[in-house]
Amino acid sequence: MLLLTTTCIYPGLIYDASSEDYINLLCVLNFTAKQIQTITRSTPYDCKNPSLDLNYPSFIAYFNANVSNSDGMIVQEFQRTVTNIGDKNSIYIAKLTTLDGLKVSVSPDRLKFSKKYEKKSYKLRIKPKTDERCTDSWFLDLD
C-alpha cells in the first residue's frame, strides 16, 4: 500500500520499525540465541513474539489450504503504523491495486494528520473472493 503523497523525494510518511521488530523476525526465521546475539551485539533476547510481519509498507500473505480462521474463510490481516513527517493537516488516501481473486480492504482508508510527527495506524485485510480453500498464488501490488 502506498499512501499517496505530493512527491517521491519527500515521502510525507515513514514506517517505524524497532530493533525488537527485527529481532522478532530473526526469531521466526529460527536463528539461534547465539546468532541473534552476534547480529545484535547485545544480551540474549527472549523470542516471546516471533513475527514475519515488520512495520513496512509491504505485505507477505501466505494462504495455507489446511488452515482457516474460525468462520472457515482464509484471511490475512496486517496492521501498520506510520509517522507523518510531512506538513501538518495532511491527508493520505489509500489506493489499492489487486489481481482478480482477492478481496482487499484498508481501514481506515484515509489518514488525516493534524500535526507533524503524529502517528496513525491502519489495517489491511486480504482474503480470497471464493469460499473454497485457497491453493493459488497471487501477486498483490499496493499503489
N, C-alpha and C. Protein backbone atom coordinates (compact mmCIF):
# COMPACT_ATOMS: atom_id res chain seq x y z
N MET A 1 0.85 -1.17 0.00
CA MET A 1 0.00 0.00 0.00
C MET A 1 0.88 1.22 0.00
N LEU A 2 0.57 2.13 -0.82
CA LEU A 2 1.27 3.40 -0.85
C LEU A 2 0.25 4.46 -0.51
N LEU A 3 0.49 5.20 0.53
CA LEU A 3 -0.40 6.30 0.85
C LEU A 3 0.09 7.48 0.04
N LEU A 4 -0.77 8.02 -0.79
CA LEU A 4 -0.37 8.99 -1.79
C LEU A 4 0.18 10.27 -1.16
N THR A 5 1.29 10.75 -1.71
CA THR A 5 1.93 11.97 -1.24
C THR A 5 2.21 12.87 -2.42
N THR A 6 2.73 14.06 -2.18
CA THR A 6 2.95 15.01 -3.26
C THR A 6 4.15 14.66 -4.13
N THR A 7 5.21 14.12 -3.56
CA THR A 7 6.37 13.75 -4.38
C THR A 7 7.02 12.50 -3.81
N CYS A 8 7.80 11.84 -4.64
CA CYS A 8 8.54 10.67 -4.18
C CYS A 8 9.77 11.07 -3.37
N ILE A 9 10.29 12.24 -3.64
CA ILE A 9 11.50 12.69 -2.95
C ILE A 9 11.21 12.98 -1.48
N TYR A 10 10.06 13.54 -1.20
CA TYR A 10 9.67 13.86 0.17
C TYR A 10 8.42 13.04 0.49
N PRO A 11 8.60 11.87 1.07
CA PRO A 11 7.50 10.91 1.17
C PRO A 11 6.32 11.33 2.03
N GLY A 12 6.52 12.13 3.05
CA GLY A 12 5.42 12.53 3.90
C GLY A 12 5.15 11.59 5.05
N LEU A 13 5.29 10.28 4.82
CA LEU A 13 5.06 9.28 5.86
C LEU A 13 6.26 8.36 5.98
N ILE A 14 6.52 7.92 7.19
CA ILE A 14 7.54 6.89 7.39
C ILE A 14 6.93 5.75 8.21
N TYR A 15 7.45 4.57 7.97
CA TYR A 15 7.07 3.38 8.70
C TYR A 15 8.18 3.09 9.71
N ASP A 16 7.84 3.13 10.99
CA ASP A 16 8.84 2.88 12.02
C ASP A 16 8.94 1.39 12.31
N ALA A 17 10.15 0.89 12.38
CA ALA A 17 10.39 -0.49 12.80
C ALA A 17 11.49 -0.44 13.86
N SER A 18 11.22 -1.04 15.00
CA SER A 18 12.18 -1.01 16.10
C SER A 18 13.15 -2.18 15.99
N SER A 19 14.21 -2.11 16.77
CA SER A 19 15.16 -3.23 16.80
C SER A 19 14.47 -4.50 17.27
N GLU A 20 13.51 -4.37 18.15
CA GLU A 20 12.75 -5.54 18.63
C GLU A 20 11.98 -6.19 17.48
N ASP A 21 11.46 -5.39 16.57
CA ASP A 21 10.75 -5.93 15.40
C ASP A 21 11.68 -6.80 14.56
N TYR A 22 12.91 -6.32 14.34
CA TYR A 22 13.87 -7.10 13.56
C TYR A 22 14.29 -8.37 14.29
N ILE A 23 14.44 -8.27 15.59
CA ILE A 23 14.81 -9.46 16.37
C ILE A 23 13.69 -10.49 16.33
N ASN A 24 12.43 -10.03 16.40
CA ASN A 24 11.30 -10.96 16.28
C ASN A 24 11.30 -11.66 14.92
N LEU A 25 11.74 -10.94 13.89
CA LEU A 25 11.87 -11.56 12.57
C LEU A 25 12.95 -12.64 12.59
N LEU A 26 14.09 -12.35 13.21
CA LEU A 26 15.15 -13.36 13.33
C LEU A 26 14.66 -14.58 14.09
N CYS A 27 13.84 -14.35 15.10
CA CYS A 27 13.30 -15.46 15.89
C CYS A 27 12.43 -16.38 15.05
N VAL A 28 11.53 -15.79 14.28
CA VAL A 28 10.63 -16.61 13.47
C VAL A 28 11.38 -17.31 12.35
N LEU A 29 12.54 -16.78 11.96
CA LEU A 29 13.37 -17.43 10.95
C LEU A 29 14.29 -18.48 11.56
N ASN A 30 14.06 -18.78 12.83
CA ASN A 30 14.77 -19.83 13.58
C ASN A 30 16.26 -19.57 13.78
N PHE A 31 16.64 -18.30 13.91
CA PHE A 31 18.01 -18.00 14.31
C PHE A 31 18.17 -18.42 15.76
N THR A 32 19.33 -18.92 16.12
CA THR A 32 19.59 -19.32 17.50
C THR A 32 19.84 -18.07 18.35
N ALA A 33 19.75 -18.25 19.66
CA ALA A 33 20.03 -17.14 20.58
C ALA A 33 21.44 -16.61 20.35
N LYS A 34 22.38 -17.49 20.12
CA LYS A 34 23.76 -17.07 19.88
C LYS A 34 23.88 -16.27 18.59
N GLN A 35 23.21 -16.71 17.53
CA GLN A 35 23.24 -15.97 16.27
C GLN A 35 22.61 -14.58 16.43
N ILE A 36 21.50 -14.51 17.13
CA ILE A 36 20.84 -13.23 17.36
C ILE A 36 21.75 -12.31 18.17
N GLN A 37 22.41 -12.87 19.17
CA GLN A 37 23.33 -12.08 19.98
C GLN A 37 24.50 -11.56 19.13
N THR A 38 24.99 -12.37 18.23
CA THR A 38 26.09 -11.96 17.35
C THR A 38 25.64 -10.82 16.43
N ILE A 39 24.45 -10.95 15.87
CA ILE A 39 23.92 -9.93 14.96
C ILE A 39 23.64 -8.62 15.69
N THR A 40 23.00 -8.72 16.85
CA THR A 40 22.57 -7.50 17.57
C THR A 40 23.65 -6.93 18.48
N ARG A 41 24.67 -7.72 18.75
CA ARG A 41 25.74 -7.32 19.68
C ARG A 41 25.19 -6.88 21.02
N SER A 42 24.21 -7.63 21.49
CA SER A 42 23.60 -7.32 22.79
C SER A 42 23.35 -8.63 23.54
N THR A 43 22.78 -8.50 24.70
CA THR A 43 22.49 -9.68 25.52
C THR A 43 21.47 -10.55 24.81
N PRO A 44 21.41 -11.82 25.17
CA PRO A 44 20.44 -12.72 24.53
C PRO A 44 19.02 -12.18 24.62
N TYR A 45 18.24 -12.45 23.62
CA TYR A 45 16.87 -11.96 23.52
C TYR A 45 15.91 -13.12 23.67
N ASP A 46 14.83 -12.91 24.40
CA ASP A 46 13.80 -13.92 24.57
C ASP A 46 12.82 -13.81 23.41
N CYS A 47 12.68 -14.86 22.65
CA CYS A 47 11.82 -14.85 21.46
C CYS A 47 10.36 -15.14 21.83
N LYS A 48 9.76 -14.25 22.59
CA LYS A 48 8.36 -14.43 23.02
C LYS A 48 7.37 -14.12 21.91
N ASN A 49 7.73 -13.20 21.02
CA ASN A 49 6.79 -12.74 19.99
C ASN A 49 7.38 -12.84 18.59
N PRO A 50 7.73 -14.04 18.14
CA PRO A 50 8.30 -14.15 16.79
C PRO A 50 7.27 -13.71 15.75
N SER A 51 7.73 -12.99 14.72
CA SER A 51 6.79 -12.48 13.73
C SER A 51 7.49 -12.21 12.40
N LEU A 52 6.84 -12.59 11.31
CA LEU A 52 7.31 -12.26 9.96
C LEU A 52 6.83 -10.87 9.54
N ASP A 53 5.97 -10.27 10.33
CA ASP A 53 5.30 -9.05 9.94
C ASP A 53 5.99 -7.81 10.49
N LEU A 54 6.87 -7.21 9.68
CA LEU A 54 7.52 -5.96 10.06
C LEU A 54 6.62 -4.78 9.71
N ASN A 55 6.79 -3.68 10.41
CA ASN A 55 6.02 -2.47 10.13
C ASN A 55 6.63 -1.78 8.90
N TYR A 56 6.39 -2.38 7.74
CA TYR A 56 6.91 -1.89 6.46
C TYR A 56 5.72 -1.63 5.52
N PRO A 57 5.93 -0.88 4.45
CA PRO A 57 4.84 -0.65 3.51
C PRO A 57 4.62 -1.82 2.55
N SER A 58 5.13 -2.98 2.88
CA SER A 58 4.93 -4.18 2.06
C SER A 58 4.30 -5.26 2.93
N PHE A 59 3.70 -6.24 2.27
CA PHE A 59 2.96 -7.28 2.99
C PHE A 59 3.24 -8.63 2.33
N ILE A 60 3.38 -9.66 3.15
CA ILE A 60 3.52 -11.02 2.65
C ILE A 60 2.35 -11.81 3.21
N ALA A 61 1.50 -12.32 2.33
CA ALA A 61 0.34 -13.09 2.77
C ALA A 61 0.49 -14.53 2.31
N TYR A 62 0.53 -15.44 3.26
CA TYR A 62 0.56 -16.87 2.97
C TYR A 62 -0.83 -17.42 3.20
N PHE A 63 -1.34 -18.13 2.20
CA PHE A 63 -2.64 -18.77 2.34
C PHE A 63 -2.41 -20.27 2.32
N ASN A 64 -2.56 -20.90 3.47
CA ASN A 64 -2.37 -22.33 3.62
C ASN A 64 -3.72 -23.01 3.45
N ALA A 65 -3.82 -23.91 2.51
CA ALA A 65 -5.09 -24.58 2.22
C ALA A 65 -5.60 -25.40 3.40
N ASN A 66 -4.75 -25.70 4.37
CA ASN A 66 -5.17 -26.52 5.50
C ASN A 66 -5.50 -25.72 6.75
N VAL A 67 -5.39 -24.40 6.68
CA VAL A 67 -5.62 -23.57 7.86
C VAL A 67 -6.63 -22.50 7.52
N SER A 68 -7.57 -22.27 8.42
CA SER A 68 -8.54 -21.20 8.23
C SER A 68 -8.87 -20.59 9.57
N ASN A 69 -9.53 -19.44 9.54
CA ASN A 69 -9.97 -18.86 10.80
C ASN A 69 -11.27 -19.51 11.24
N SER A 70 -11.85 -19.07 12.32
CA SER A 70 -12.99 -19.75 12.92
C SER A 70 -14.23 -19.77 12.03
N ASP A 71 -14.40 -18.83 11.11
CA ASP A 71 -15.59 -18.85 10.26
C ASP A 71 -15.37 -19.60 8.95
N GLY A 72 -14.24 -20.28 8.81
CA GLY A 72 -13.98 -21.11 7.64
C GLY A 72 -13.31 -20.39 6.49
N MET A 73 -13.15 -19.07 6.56
CA MET A 73 -12.50 -18.33 5.48
C MET A 73 -11.04 -18.07 5.83
N ILE A 74 -10.23 -18.08 4.80
CA ILE A 74 -8.81 -17.78 4.97
C ILE A 74 -8.66 -16.26 4.88
N VAL A 75 -8.08 -15.65 5.91
CA VAL A 75 -7.94 -14.20 5.96
C VAL A 75 -6.56 -13.84 6.48
N GLN A 76 -5.95 -12.83 5.89
CA GLN A 76 -4.69 -12.29 6.39
C GLN A 76 -4.94 -10.83 6.75
N GLU A 77 -4.52 -10.45 7.95
CA GLU A 77 -4.66 -9.06 8.39
C GLU A 77 -3.30 -8.52 8.81
N PHE A 78 -3.06 -7.27 8.47
CA PHE A 78 -1.81 -6.60 8.80
C PHE A 78 -2.12 -5.24 9.37
N GLN A 79 -1.45 -4.89 10.45
CA GLN A 79 -1.58 -3.53 10.98
C GLN A 79 -0.27 -2.81 10.77
N ARG A 80 -0.35 -1.56 10.33
CA ARG A 80 0.82 -0.73 10.13
C ARG A 80 0.63 0.60 10.86
N THR A 81 1.73 1.13 11.36
CA THR A 81 1.74 2.44 12.00
C THR A 81 2.69 3.32 11.23
N VAL A 82 2.23 4.52 10.90
CA VAL A 82 3.03 5.47 10.15
C VAL A 82 3.17 6.76 10.94
N THR A 83 4.25 7.48 10.67
CA THR A 83 4.50 8.78 11.29
C THR A 83 4.49 9.83 10.19
N ASN A 84 3.74 10.89 10.41
CA ASN A 84 3.68 11.98 9.45
C ASN A 84 4.92 12.85 9.58
N ILE A 85 5.74 12.86 8.52
CA ILE A 85 6.89 13.78 8.52
C ILE A 85 6.65 14.89 7.51
N GLY A 86 5.43 14.92 6.97
CA GLY A 86 5.04 15.97 6.05
C GLY A 86 4.45 17.15 6.81
N ASP A 87 3.73 17.95 6.10
CA ASP A 87 3.12 19.13 6.69
C ASP A 87 2.01 18.74 7.67
N LYS A 88 1.75 19.62 8.62
CA LYS A 88 0.60 19.40 9.50
C LYS A 88 -0.65 19.52 8.64
N ASN A 89 -1.74 19.00 9.12
CA ASN A 89 -3.02 18.99 8.40
C ASN A 89 -2.91 18.28 7.05
N SER A 90 -2.19 17.14 7.03
CA SER A 90 -2.04 16.34 5.82
C SER A 90 -3.06 15.20 5.82
N ILE A 91 -3.51 14.84 4.63
CA ILE A 91 -4.43 13.72 4.46
C ILE A 91 -3.83 12.76 3.44
N TYR A 92 -3.82 11.47 3.75
CA TYR A 92 -3.31 10.43 2.87
C TYR A 92 -4.43 9.43 2.62
N ILE A 93 -4.63 9.10 1.35
CA ILE A 93 -5.72 8.22 0.95
C ILE A 93 -5.13 6.94 0.36
N ALA A 94 -5.66 5.80 0.80
CA ALA A 94 -5.18 4.51 0.31
C ALA A 94 -5.71 4.25 -1.09
N LYS A 95 -4.82 3.78 -1.96
CA LYS A 95 -5.19 3.37 -3.31
C LYS A 95 -4.68 1.95 -3.50
N LEU A 96 -5.57 1.01 -3.71
CA LEU A 96 -5.20 -0.40 -3.82
C LEU A 96 -5.36 -0.89 -5.25
N THR A 97 -4.41 -1.70 -5.68
CA THR A 97 -4.50 -2.38 -6.97
C THR A 97 -4.25 -3.85 -6.69
N THR A 98 -5.18 -4.71 -7.07
CA THR A 98 -5.03 -6.14 -6.81
C THR A 98 -5.27 -6.94 -8.07
N LEU A 99 -4.94 -8.20 -8.02
CA LEU A 99 -5.30 -9.14 -9.08
C LEU A 99 -6.64 -9.76 -8.75
N ASP A 100 -7.28 -10.30 -9.77
CA ASP A 100 -8.55 -10.99 -9.54
C ASP A 100 -8.36 -12.11 -8.53
N GLY A 101 -9.38 -12.37 -7.76
CA GLY A 101 -9.35 -13.49 -6.83
C GLY A 101 -9.15 -13.08 -5.38
N LEU A 102 -8.80 -11.81 -5.14
CA LEU A 102 -8.59 -11.36 -3.76
C LEU A 102 -9.52 -10.20 -3.44
N LYS A 103 -10.01 -10.20 -2.22
CA LYS A 103 -10.74 -9.04 -1.71
C LYS A 103 -9.81 -8.35 -0.73
N VAL A 104 -9.50 -7.09 -1.00
CA VAL A 104 -8.56 -6.34 -0.18
C VAL A 104 -9.26 -5.10 0.35
N SER A 105 -9.09 -4.85 1.64
CA SER A 105 -9.67 -3.64 2.22
C SER A 105 -8.68 -3.01 3.18
N VAL A 106 -8.80 -1.70 3.32
CA VAL A 106 -7.96 -0.94 4.24
C VAL A 106 -8.87 -0.15 5.16
N SER A 107 -8.55 -0.17 6.43
CA SER A 107 -9.35 0.58 7.40
C SER A 107 -8.44 1.28 8.40
N PRO A 108 -8.58 2.58 8.56
CA PRO A 108 -9.37 3.46 7.72
C PRO A 108 -8.69 3.63 6.36
N ASP A 109 -9.46 4.03 5.36
CA ASP A 109 -8.88 4.21 4.02
C ASP A 109 -8.33 5.62 3.82
N ARG A 110 -8.39 6.42 4.86
CA ARG A 110 -7.89 7.80 4.82
C ARG A 110 -7.27 8.11 6.18
N LEU A 111 -6.06 8.64 6.15
CA LEU A 111 -5.40 9.05 7.39
C LEU A 111 -5.27 10.57 7.38
N LYS A 112 -5.81 11.19 8.40
CA LYS A 112 -5.77 12.65 8.50
C LYS A 112 -4.90 13.02 9.69
N PHE A 113 -3.85 13.78 9.41
CA PHE A 113 -2.91 14.20 10.43
C PHE A 113 -3.10 15.69 10.72
N SER A 114 -3.10 16.04 11.99
CA SER A 114 -3.25 17.45 12.36
C SER A 114 -1.92 18.09 12.72
N LYS A 115 -0.87 17.27 12.87
CA LYS A 115 0.44 17.84 13.20
C LYS A 115 1.56 16.96 12.67
N LYS A 116 2.73 17.56 12.56
CA LYS A 116 3.92 16.84 12.13
C LYS A 116 4.34 15.88 13.25
N TYR A 117 4.86 14.72 12.88
CA TYR A 117 5.33 13.65 13.75
C TYR A 117 4.19 12.92 14.48
N GLU A 118 2.97 13.15 14.08
CA GLU A 118 1.83 12.43 14.63
C GLU A 118 1.83 11.01 14.06
N LYS A 119 1.43 10.03 14.86
CA LYS A 119 1.38 8.64 14.43
C LYS A 119 -0.07 8.21 14.26
N LYS A 120 -0.30 7.41 13.22
CA LYS A 120 -1.61 6.83 12.97
C LYS A 120 -1.41 5.39 12.49
N SER A 121 -2.42 4.58 12.70
CA SER A 121 -2.35 3.17 12.27
C SER A 121 -3.48 2.87 11.30
N TYR A 122 -3.23 1.88 10.46
CA TYR A 122 -4.27 1.36 9.58
C TYR A 122 -4.14 -0.15 9.52
N LYS A 123 -5.20 -0.80 9.09
CA LYS A 123 -5.21 -2.26 8.98
C LYS A 123 -5.55 -2.64 7.55
N LEU A 124 -4.78 -3.57 7.01
CA LEU A 124 -5.01 -4.13 5.68
C LEU A 124 -5.54 -5.54 5.86
N ARG A 125 -6.60 -5.87 5.15
CA ARG A 125 -7.22 -7.20 5.25
C ARG A 125 -7.28 -7.79 3.85
N ILE A 126 -6.77 -9.03 3.71
CA ILE A 126 -6.75 -9.72 2.42
C ILE A 126 -7.42 -11.08 2.59
N LYS A 127 -8.35 -11.38 1.68
CA LYS A 127 -8.95 -12.71 1.69
C LYS A 127 -9.36 -13.09 0.28
N PRO A 128 -9.37 -14.38 -0.01
CA PRO A 128 -9.82 -14.84 -1.33
C PRO A 128 -11.29 -14.49 -1.52
N LYS A 129 -11.68 -14.21 -2.76
CA LYS A 129 -13.09 -13.90 -3.05
C LYS A 129 -13.97 -15.14 -3.04
N THR A 130 -13.37 -16.29 -3.12
CA THR A 130 -14.12 -17.54 -3.16
C THR A 130 -14.20 -18.18 -1.79
N ASP A 131 -15.21 -18.99 -1.56
CA ASP A 131 -15.34 -19.71 -0.29
C ASP A 131 -14.48 -20.97 -0.26
N GLU A 132 -13.93 -21.34 -1.42
CA GLU A 132 -13.11 -22.55 -1.48
C GLU A 132 -11.77 -22.30 -0.80
N ARG A 133 -11.14 -23.38 -0.37
CA ARG A 133 -9.82 -23.27 0.23
C ARG A 133 -8.85 -22.69 -0.79
N CYS A 134 -8.01 -21.82 -0.34
CA CYS A 134 -7.08 -21.12 -1.22
C CYS A 134 -5.84 -21.99 -1.49
N THR A 135 -5.60 -22.28 -2.77
CA THR A 135 -4.40 -23.04 -3.12
C THR A 135 -3.58 -22.33 -4.19
N ASP A 136 -4.10 -21.24 -4.74
CA ASP A 136 -3.40 -20.50 -5.78
C ASP A 136 -2.49 -19.44 -5.17
N SER A 137 -1.61 -18.90 -6.01
CA SER A 137 -0.74 -17.81 -5.60
C SER A 137 -1.19 -16.55 -6.33
N TRP A 138 -1.09 -15.42 -5.65
CA TRP A 138 -1.42 -14.14 -6.25
C TRP A 138 -0.30 -13.17 -5.97
N PHE A 139 -0.15 -12.21 -6.86
CA PHE A 139 0.74 -11.10 -6.63
C PHE A 139 -0.11 -9.90 -6.31
N LEU A 140 0.19 -9.23 -5.26
CA LEU A 140 -0.58 -8.07 -4.84
C LEU A 140 0.30 -6.84 -4.90
N ASP A 141 -0.12 -5.88 -5.70
CA ASP A 141 0.61 -4.63 -5.84
C ASP A 141 -0.22 -3.54 -5.19
N LEU A 142 0.33 -2.94 -4.17
CA LEU A 142 -0.38 -1.89 -3.47
C LEU A 142 0.18 -0.54 -3.88
N ASP A 143 -0.60 0.22 -4.60
CA ASP A 143 -0.16 1.54 -5.05
C ASP A 143 -0.75 2.63 -4.16
